């Protein structure tokens, strides 16, 4: 089956399906359609499933496919890939329905399995440069375990749904790593006049700011002088903004498959600015900062890489159609409405939440419809199996 030939095929479909269903279900479904005794419900379910459900699925598809390109070795396919996908599906069902113990066990198994599946070919090929990317799923699995322990009352994290916030910070580091590799390379290859470049000091500052926030944020209530994190976030925003500017993003404006990547990355410094304002007690809510990161930067970059890598790895031209362009606009419009709509006042918040849910989820529903035939059929150039091509990665 073509859909089980390489990791991006089932996991892009699964991630897009969850993104298309979860927010409308949460906002609009009648109460009697929801499980009577769910394991997770309300904001906890939403936070968990967006990070450890949707984002984890897309990350899995990307990393399993990228590991083939990095190493030239095969990754999970066939029944092994089907088993991993079914493990993810079982986690989503049990998280929504319970019982609690099976839900926690099954859900916590998935990400370590992903880390192992990516790390094995990387280690075998001695491709040590990419080992940090292979370890991210394991770290994300640790954040997932903390989320469940906190929800069960066995530990007490500093903030509500703190495990999901920790997961977001880990994903921010991953997208920073991957964007630094692919955005300048794609820009350079597609636009001969573009001049993307990098600066070692800027790179170090960008990664260091995220690493400090990742480590210190959960400990902030117990650290002396907690507001100093606002300065770290502000410095990080500046570093990431300069990093983006060095990539010459204006050169990508004529290519939708290109401009969606720097546009999505621009949400990262915006999220850090909002985070600095929140940490400085200016009245900006934490939700604005974390949705700018999750819905804007991570959601936008994932949609952009899903479309590009799906086209490249199925032998299709790297050219955006109207469906992709509409989806790109919708995902960013949804993020903007979610982040800035509630800032207009309490009366505007319910309408902003509903509109953002429809826009953001609609973008992934459109991807699901447009890419179902692409991801479930063989490559159009019909090799015996998906090659370890670097197209789109």
Protein backbone atom coordinates (compact mmCIF):
# COMPACT_ATOMS: atom_id res chain seq x y z
CA UNK A 1 0.00 0.00 0.00
CA UNK A 2 1.41 3.34 -1.05
CA UNK A 3 0.10 5.05 2.09
CA UNK A 4 2.32 2.79 4.23
CA UNK A 5 5.45 3.10 2.11
CA UNK A 6 7.00 6.01 4.05
CA UNK A 7 6.22 7.89 7.22
CA UNK A 8 4.97 11.21 5.89
CA UNK A 9 2.01 9.60 4.10
CA UNK A 10 -0.08 8.27 7.01
CA UNK A 11 1.07 10.79 9.60
CA UNK A 12 0.40 13.88 7.49
CA UNK A 13 -3.10 12.55 6.88
CA UNK A 14 -3.66 11.71 10.54
CA UNK A 15 -2.30 15.04 11.79
CA UNK A 16 -4.38 17.00 9.29
CA UNK A 17 -7.51 15.02 10.20
CA UNK A 18 -7.07 15.75 13.90
CA UNK A 19 -6.40 19.44 13.22
CA UNK A 20 -9.51 19.62 11.02
CA UNK A 21 -11.77 17.91 13.56
CA UNK A 22 -10.52 18.82 17.03
CA UNK A 23 -11.14 22.57 17.21
CA UNK A 24 -14.64 22.53 15.65
CA UNK A 25 -15.52 19.58 17.89
CA UNK A 26 -14.34 21.45 20.96
CA UNK A 27 -16.07 24.74 20.06
CA UNK A 28 -19.27 23.67 18.36
CA UNK A 29 -20.20 20.04 19.15
CA UNK A 30 -23.33 19.54 21.28
CA UNK A 31 -22.48 18.29 24.75
CA UNK A 32 -24.38 15.03 24.23
CA UNK A 33 -22.06 14.06 21.37
CA UNK A 34 -19.00 14.11 23.62
CA UNK A 35 -17.93 11.20 25.85
CA UNK A 36 -19.78 11.14 29.16
CA UNK A 37 -16.64 10.49 31.21
CA UNK A 38 -13.59 11.56 29.16
CA UNK A 39 -10.09 11.22 30.50
CA UNK A 40 -9.26 14.77 29.36
CA UNK A 41 -11.81 17.47 28.68
CA UNK A 42 -12.01 21.19 28.01
CA UNK A 43 -8.79 23.22 27.87
CA UNK A 44 -6.70 20.26 29.04
CA UNK A 45 -7.87 18.12 26.12
CA UNK A 46 -7.36 20.99 23.67
CA UNK A 47 -3.84 21.78 24.90
CA UNK A 48 -2.79 18.12 24.99
CA UNK A 49 -4.14 17.14 21.59
CA UNK A 50 -2.75 20.13 19.72
CA UNK A 51 0.77 19.49 21.04
CA UNK A 52 0.98 15.74 21.65
CA UNK A 53 -1.59 14.72 19.05
CA UNK A 54 -1.51 17.00 15.99
CA UNK A 55 2.02 18.40 16.21
CA UNK A 56 3.48 15.04 17.25
CA UNK A 57 1.90 13.33 14.22
CA UNK A 58 3.25 15.87 11.72
CA UNK A 59 6.67 15.83 13.40
CA UNK A 60 6.70 12.02 13.16
CA UNK A 61 5.91 12.05 9.44
CA UNK A 62 8.58 14.65 8.80
CA UNK A 63 11.32 13.01 10.86
CA UNK A 64 10.72 9.47 9.56
CA UNK A 65 10.98 10.78 6.02
CA UNK A 66 13.89 13.12 6.67
CA UNK A 67 15.86 10.30 8.32
CA UNK A 68 15.76 8.42 5.00
CA UNK A 69 17.24 11.44 3.25
CA UNK A 70 19.86 12.03 5.96
CA UNK A 71 21.10 8.44 6.10
CA UNK A 72 20.13 6.73 2.84
CA UNK A 73 18.62 3.95 4.98
CA UNK A 74 15.03 2.82 5.22
CA UNK A 75 12.73 3.82 8.06
CA UNK A 76 9.45 2.28 9.17
CA UNK A 77 7.19 1.02 6.37
CA UNK A 78 4.45 -1.54 5.86
CA UNK A 79 3.03 -3.23 8.94
CA UNK A 80 5.55 -1.56 11.27
CA UNK A 81 4.48 1.88 10.09
CA UNK A 82 0.83 0.81 10.35
CA UNK A 83 1.45 -0.31 13.94
CA UNK A 84 2.95 3.05 14.88
CA UNK A 85 0.04 4.88 13.24
CA UNK A 86 -2.48 2.68 15.08
CA UNK A 87 -0.70 3.39 18.36
CA UNK A 88 -1.20 7.12 17.70
CA UNK A 89 -4.87 6.58 16.84
CA UNK A 90 -5.41 4.48 19.98
CA UNK A 91 -3.93 7.26 22.06
CA UNK A 92 -6.33 9.82 20.59
CA UNK A 93 -9.35 7.59 21.23
CA UNK A 94 -8.37 6.72 24.80
CA UNK A 95 -7.50 10.33 25.64
CA UNK A 96 -11.04 11.30 24.64
CA UNK A 97 -12.87 8.36 26.22
CA UNK A 98 -10.73 6.93 29.04
CA UNK A 99 -10.18 4.96 31.17
CA UNK A 100 -7.34 7.03 32.53
CA UNK A 101 -4.65 4.39 33.07
CA UNK A 102 -4.84 2.80 29.58
CA UNK A 103 -5.02 6.30 28.08
CA UNK A 104 -1.83 7.39 29.85
CA UNK A 105 0.08 4.19 29.06
CA UNK A 106 -0.82 4.06 25.38
CA UNK A 107 -0.33 7.78 24.83
CA UNK A 108 3.05 7.81 26.59
CA UNK A 109 4.33 4.88 24.47
CA UNK A 110 4.03 6.68 21.15
CA UNK A 111 6.74 9.36 21.26
CA UNK A 112 9.53 7.10 22.63
CA UNK A 113 8.74 4.69 19.79
CA UNK A 114 9.07 7.54 17.31
CA UNK A 115 12.41 8.58 18.80
CA UNK A 116 13.70 5.03 18.53
CA UNK A 117 12.48 4.67 14.94
CA UNK A 118 14.30 7.86 13.91
CA UNK A 119 17.43 7.34 16.02
CA UNK A 120 18.20 3.80 14.81
CA UNK A 121 19.03 4.69 11.18
CA UNK A 122 20.76 7.90 12.29
CA UNK A 123 23.03 6.00 14.68
CA UNK A 124 23.58 3.16 12.21
CA UNK A 125 24.70 5.61 9.54
CA UNK A 126 26.83 7.51 12.10
CA UNK A 127 24.94 10.62 11.08
CA UNK A 128 25.65 12.33 14.38
CA UNK A 129 24.78 15.78 13.05
CA UNK A 130 21.10 14.85 13.01
CA UNK A 131 20.99 12.99 16.31
CA UNK A 132 19.53 16.00 18.21
CA UNK A 133 16.52 15.97 15.90
CA UNK A 134 16.08 12.26 16.59
CA UNK A 135 16.07 12.93 20.34
CA UNK A 136 13.36 15.60 20.22
CA UNK A 137 10.48 13.05 20.21
CA UNK A 138 11.91 11.46 23.36
CA UNK A 139 12.10 14.85 25.08
CA UNK A 140 8.59 15.65 23.90
CA UNK A 141 7.54 12.30 25.35
CA UNK A 142 8.99 13.40 28.68
CA UNK A 143 6.88 16.57 28.55
CA UNK A 144 3.85 14.41 27.74
CA UNK A 145 4.52 12.24 30.80
CA UNK A 146 4.78 15.36 32.97
CA UNK A 147 1.44 16.53 31.56
CA UNK A 148 -0.25 13.27 32.59
CA UNK A 149 1.38 13.17 36.02
CA UNK A 150 0.28 16.75 36.65
CA UNK A 151 -3.26 16.03 35.47
CA UNK A 152 -3.41 12.96 37.73
CA UNK A 153 -2.32 15.07 40.72
CA UNK A 154 0.91 13.12 41.24
CA UNK A 155 3.07 16.20 40.67
CA UNK A 156 2.30 19.93 40.57
CA UNK A 157 3.64 21.94 37.65
CA UNK A 158 3.96 25.69 37.92
CA UNK A 159 1.16 26.43 35.44
CA UNK A 160 -2.02 24.76 34.29
CA UNK A 161 -1.30 22.39 31.40
CA UNK A 162 2.38 23.12 31.98
CA UNK A 163 3.44 19.92 30.23
CA UNK A 164 1.84 21.15 27.01
CA UNK A 165 3.59 24.52 27.33
CA UNK A 166 6.87 22.70 27.84
CA UNK A 167 6.10 20.66 24.73
CA UNK A 168 5.50 23.85 22.77
CA UNK A 169 8.90 25.18 23.78
CA UNK A 170 10.52 21.91 22.65
CA UNK A 171 8.73 22.15 19.31
CA UNK A 172 9.92 25.75 19.01
CA UNK A 173 13.50 24.51 19.28
CA UNK A 174 12.83 21.84 16.65
CA UNK A 175 11.28 24.25 14.15
CA UNK A 176 14.13 26.69 14.79
CA UNK A 177 16.62 23.95 13.97
CA UNK A 178 14.81 22.72 10.87
CA UNK A 179 13.87 26.18 9.56
CA UNK A 180 17.50 27.23 9.77
CA UNK A 181 18.37 24.36 7.46
CA UNK A 182 15.55 24.42 4.94
CA UNK A 183 14.41 28.04 4.55
CA UNK A 184 17.77 29.49 3.40
CA UNK A 185 18.48 26.39 1.27
CA UNK A 186 15.07 26.45 -0.44
CA UNK A 187 15.33 30.19 -1.01
CA UNK A 188 18.82 29.93 -2.47
CA UNK A 189 17.87 27.06 -4.78
CA UNK A 190 14.62 28.56 -6.07
CA UNK A 191 15.56 32.25 -6.34
CA UNK A 192 19.01 32.79 -7.92
CA UNK A 193 19.01 36.47 -6.94
CA UNK A 194 18.32 35.76 -3.27
CA UNK A 195 21.13 36.19 -0.74
CA UNK A 196 20.23 34.23 2.38
CA UNK A 197 22.99 34.17 4.98
CA UNK A 198 23.62 33.48 8.63
CA UNK A 199 25.52 34.95 11.54
CA UNK A 200 27.05 32.80 14.27
CA UNK A 201 26.24 35.26 17.07
CA UNK A 202 22.62 35.59 15.95
CA UNK A 203 22.28 31.81 15.68
CA UNK A 204 23.68 31.30 19.17
CA UNK A 205 21.41 33.97 20.65
CA UNK A 206 18.33 32.56 18.93
CA UNK A 207 18.88 29.03 20.23
CA UNK A 208 20.10 30.14 23.67
CA UNK A 209 17.01 32.27 24.32
CA UNK A 210 14.68 29.36 23.56
CA UNK A 211 16.78 26.96 25.63
CA UNK A 212 16.73 29.31 28.63
CA UNK A 213 12.96 29.75 28.38
CA UNK A 214 12.51 25.99 28.04
CA UNK A 215 14.52 25.26 31.17
CA UNK A 216 13.59 28.24 33.32
CA UNK A 217 9.89 28.76 32.59
CA UNK A 218 8.67 25.70 34.54
CA UNK A 219 10.88 26.80 37.45
CA UNK A 220 10.01 30.52 37.30
CA UNK A 221 7.87 30.60 40.49
CA UNK A 222 10.82 29.25 42.48
CA UNK A 223 13.57 31.31 40.87
CA UNK A 224 14.62 34.68 42.30
CA UNK A 225 13.73 37.62 40.11
CA UNK A 226 11.30 35.78 37.85
CA UNK A 227 10.62 38.80 35.56
CA UNK A 228 14.16 38.51 34.18
CA UNK A 229 12.66 35.93 31.82
CA UNK A 230 10.86 38.81 30.10
CA UNK A 231 14.28 40.16 29.13
CA UNK A 232 15.32 36.75 27.80
CA UNK A 233 12.15 36.55 25.70
CA UNK A 234 12.66 40.08 24.35
CA UNK A 235 16.29 39.35 23.44
CA UNK A 236 15.16 36.12 21.78
CA UNK A 237 12.56 38.00 19.75
CA UNK A 238 15.26 40.34 18.45
CA UNK A 239 17.61 37.45 17.61
CA UNK A 240 14.93 35.52 15.71
CA UNK A 241 13.80 38.64 13.85
CA UNK A 242 17.37 39.34 12.72
CA UNK A 243 17.82 35.68 11.80
CA UNK A 244 14.72 35.85 9.61
CA UNK A 245 15.86 39.09 7.98
CA UNK A 246 19.22 37.52 7.12
CA UNK A 247 17.39 34.82 5.15
CA UNK A 248 16.21 37.47 2.64
CA UNK A 249 12.50 36.60 2.99
CA UNK A 250 11.40 39.30 0.53
CA UNK A 251 12.96 37.24 -2.27
CA UNK A 252 10.34 34.52 -1.73
CA UNK A 253 7.29 36.71 -2.29
CA UNK A 254 6.49 35.28 -5.73
CA UNK A 255 6.54 31.62 -4.61
CA UNK A 256 3.77 30.51 -2.20
CA UNK A 257 5.58 27.29 -1.26
CA UNK A 258 8.51 29.49 -0.24
CA UNK A 259 6.91 32.55 1.35
CA UNK A 260 4.75 30.48 3.67
CA UNK A 261 7.92 29.34 5.48
CA UNK A 262 9.43 32.75 6.45
CA UNK A 263 5.92 34.11 7.06
CA UNK A 264 5.32 31.27 9.51
CA UNK A 265 8.72 31.75 11.12
CA UNK A 266 7.87 35.43 11.66
CA UNK A 267 5.32 34.27 14.25
CA UNK A 268 8.22 33.07 16.43
CA UNK A 269 9.66 36.53 17.23
CA UNK A 270 6.08 37.81 17.52
CA UNK A 271 5.33 35.07 20.07
CA UNK A 272 8.46 35.99 22.03
CA UNK A 273 7.46 39.67 22.10
CA UNK A 274 4.04 38.71 23.45
CA UNK A 275 5.69 36.38 25.94
CA UNK A 276 7.97 39.17 27.15
CA UNK A 277 4.94 41.44 27.63
CA UNK A 278 3.10 38.70 29.53
CA UNK A 279 6.09 37.97 31.77
CA UNK A 280 6.47 41.70 32.44
CA UNK A 281 2.85 41.82 33.75
CA UNK A 282 1.65 44.29 31.13
CA UNK A 283 -1.78 42.67 30.85
CA UNK A 284 -1.08 40.65 27.71
CA UNK A 285 -2.47 37.15 28.38
CA UNK A 286 -0.27 34.09 28.24
CA UNK A 287 -2.69 32.56 25.73
CA UNK A 288 -1.73 35.19 23.15
CA UNK A 289 1.95 34.28 23.36
CA UNK A 290 1.44 30.53 23.28
CA UNK A 291 -1.11 30.60 20.45
CA UNK A 292 1.21 32.81 18.40
CA UNK A 293 3.81 30.09 18.85
CA UNK A 294 1.53 27.07 18.43
CA UNK A 295 -1.07 28.18 15.89
CA UNK A 296 1.14 30.66 14.04
CA UNK A 297 4.76 29.51 13.98
CA UNK A 298 4.40 25.76 14.50
CA UNK A 299 1.07 25.34 12.70
CA UNK A 300 2.14 27.49 9.76
CA UNK A 301 5.55 25.88 9.35
CA UNK A 302 4.07 22.40 9.61
CA UNK A 303 1.46 23.11 6.95
CA UNK A 304 4.11 24.63 4.68
CA UNK A 305 6.46 21.65 5.08
CA UNK A 306 3.62 19.13 4.73
CA UNK A 307 2.65 20.52 1.34
CA UNK A 308 6.21 20.89 0.07
CA UNK A 309 7.52 17.51 1.22
CA UNK A 310 4.36 15.68 0.08
CA UNK A 311 4.72 17.12 -3.41
CA UNK A 312 8.46 16.50 -3.60
CA UNK A 313 8.41 12.95 -2.27
CA UNK A 314 5.60 11.88 -4.58
CA UNK A 315 7.39 13.10 -7.71
CA UNK A 316 5.24 16.17 -8.28
CA UNK A 317 6.41 19.67 -9.23
CA UNK A 318 7.08 21.99 -6.30
CA UNK A 319 4.39 24.45 -7.36
CA UNK A 320 1.50 25.73 -5.29
CA UNK A 321 -2.03 25.36 -6.59
CA UNK A 322 -5.00 27.50 -5.48
CA UNK A 323 -5.80 24.99 -2.71
CA UNK A 324 -2.38 25.46 -1.11
CA UNK A 325 -2.55 29.25 -1.35
CA UNK A 326 -5.99 29.36 0.26
CA UNK A 327 -4.87 26.99 3.02
CA UNK A 328 -1.79 29.11 3.75
CA UNK A 329 -3.89 32.26 4.05
CA UNK A 330 -6.46 30.49 6.24
CA UNK A 331 -3.95 29.07 8.72
CA UNK A 332 -2.33 32.47 9.24
CA UNK A 333 -5.65 34.30 9.38
CA UNK A 334 -6.83 31.80 11.99
CA UNK A 335 -3.69 32.33 14.06
CA UNK A 336 -3.99 36.13 13.82
CA UNK A 337 -7.65 36.09 14.88
CA UNK A 338 -6.89 33.76 17.80
CA UNK A 339 -3.95 35.83 19.03
CA UNK A 340 -5.20 39.38 18.53
CA UNK A 341 -9.01 39.01 18.49
CA UNK A 342 -9.40 38.50 22.27
CA UNK A 343 -7.21 41.55 22.90
CA UNK A 344 -10.08 43.67 21.55
CA UNK A 345 -12.10 42.94 24.68
CA UNK A 346 -14.17 40.31 26.45
CA UNK A 347 -17.15 40.81 24.13
CA UNK A 348 -15.06 39.99 21.08
CA UNK A 349 -13.39 36.89 22.52
CA UNK A 350 -16.10 34.27 21.82
CA UNK A 351 -16.42 35.41 18.22
CA UNK A 352 -12.64 35.44 17.78
CA UNK A 353 -12.32 31.92 19.15
CA UNK A 354 -15.06 30.59 16.87
CA UNK A 355 -13.69 32.33 13.77
CA UNK A 356 -10.13 31.24 14.46
CA UNK A 357 -11.22 27.62 14.97
CA UNK A 358 -13.01 27.59 11.62
CA UNK A 359 -10.16 29.27 9.74
CA UNK A 360 -7.29 27.30 11.24
CA UNK A 361 -9.01 23.92 11.12
CA UNK A 362 -10.38 24.73 7.66
CA UNK A 363 -6.82 25.10 6.38
CA UNK A 364 -5.98 21.54 7.42
CA UNK A 365 -9.33 20.22 6.17
CA UNK A 366 -8.46 21.70 2.79
CA UNK A 367 -5.04 20.03 2.92
CA UNK A 368 -6.71 16.72 3.80
CA UNK A 369 -9.06 16.89 0.82
CA UNK A 370 -6.42 18.09 -1.65
CA UNK A 371 -3.67 15.71 -0.53
CA UNK A 372 -5.64 12.52 0.15
CA UNK A 373 -5.17 11.30 -3.45
CA UNK A 374 -1.52 12.39 -3.41
CA UNK A 375 -0.66 10.62 -0.17
CA UNK A 376 -2.61 7.42 -0.80
CA UNK A 377 -1.36 6.72 -4.35
CA UNK A 378 2.12 5.76 -5.62
CA UNK A 379 4.59 8.32 -6.83
CA UNK A 380 3.66 9.63 -10.25
CA UNK A 381 7.06 8.54 -11.62
CA UNK A 382 6.32 5.03 -10.25
CA UNK A 383 9.58 3.81 -8.73
CA UNK A 384 9.33 0.55 -6.79
CA UNK A 385 9.11 2.50 -3.54
CA UNK A 386 9.52 6.02 -2.28
CA UNK A 387 13.14 6.92 -2.80
CA UNK A 388 15.28 8.56 -0.15
CA UNK A 389 15.10 11.77 -2.15
CA UNK A 390 15.79 15.09 -0.51
CA UNK A 391 13.01 16.73 -2.59
CA UNK A 392 11.11 19.02 -0.30
CA UNK A 393 13.26 18.29 2.76
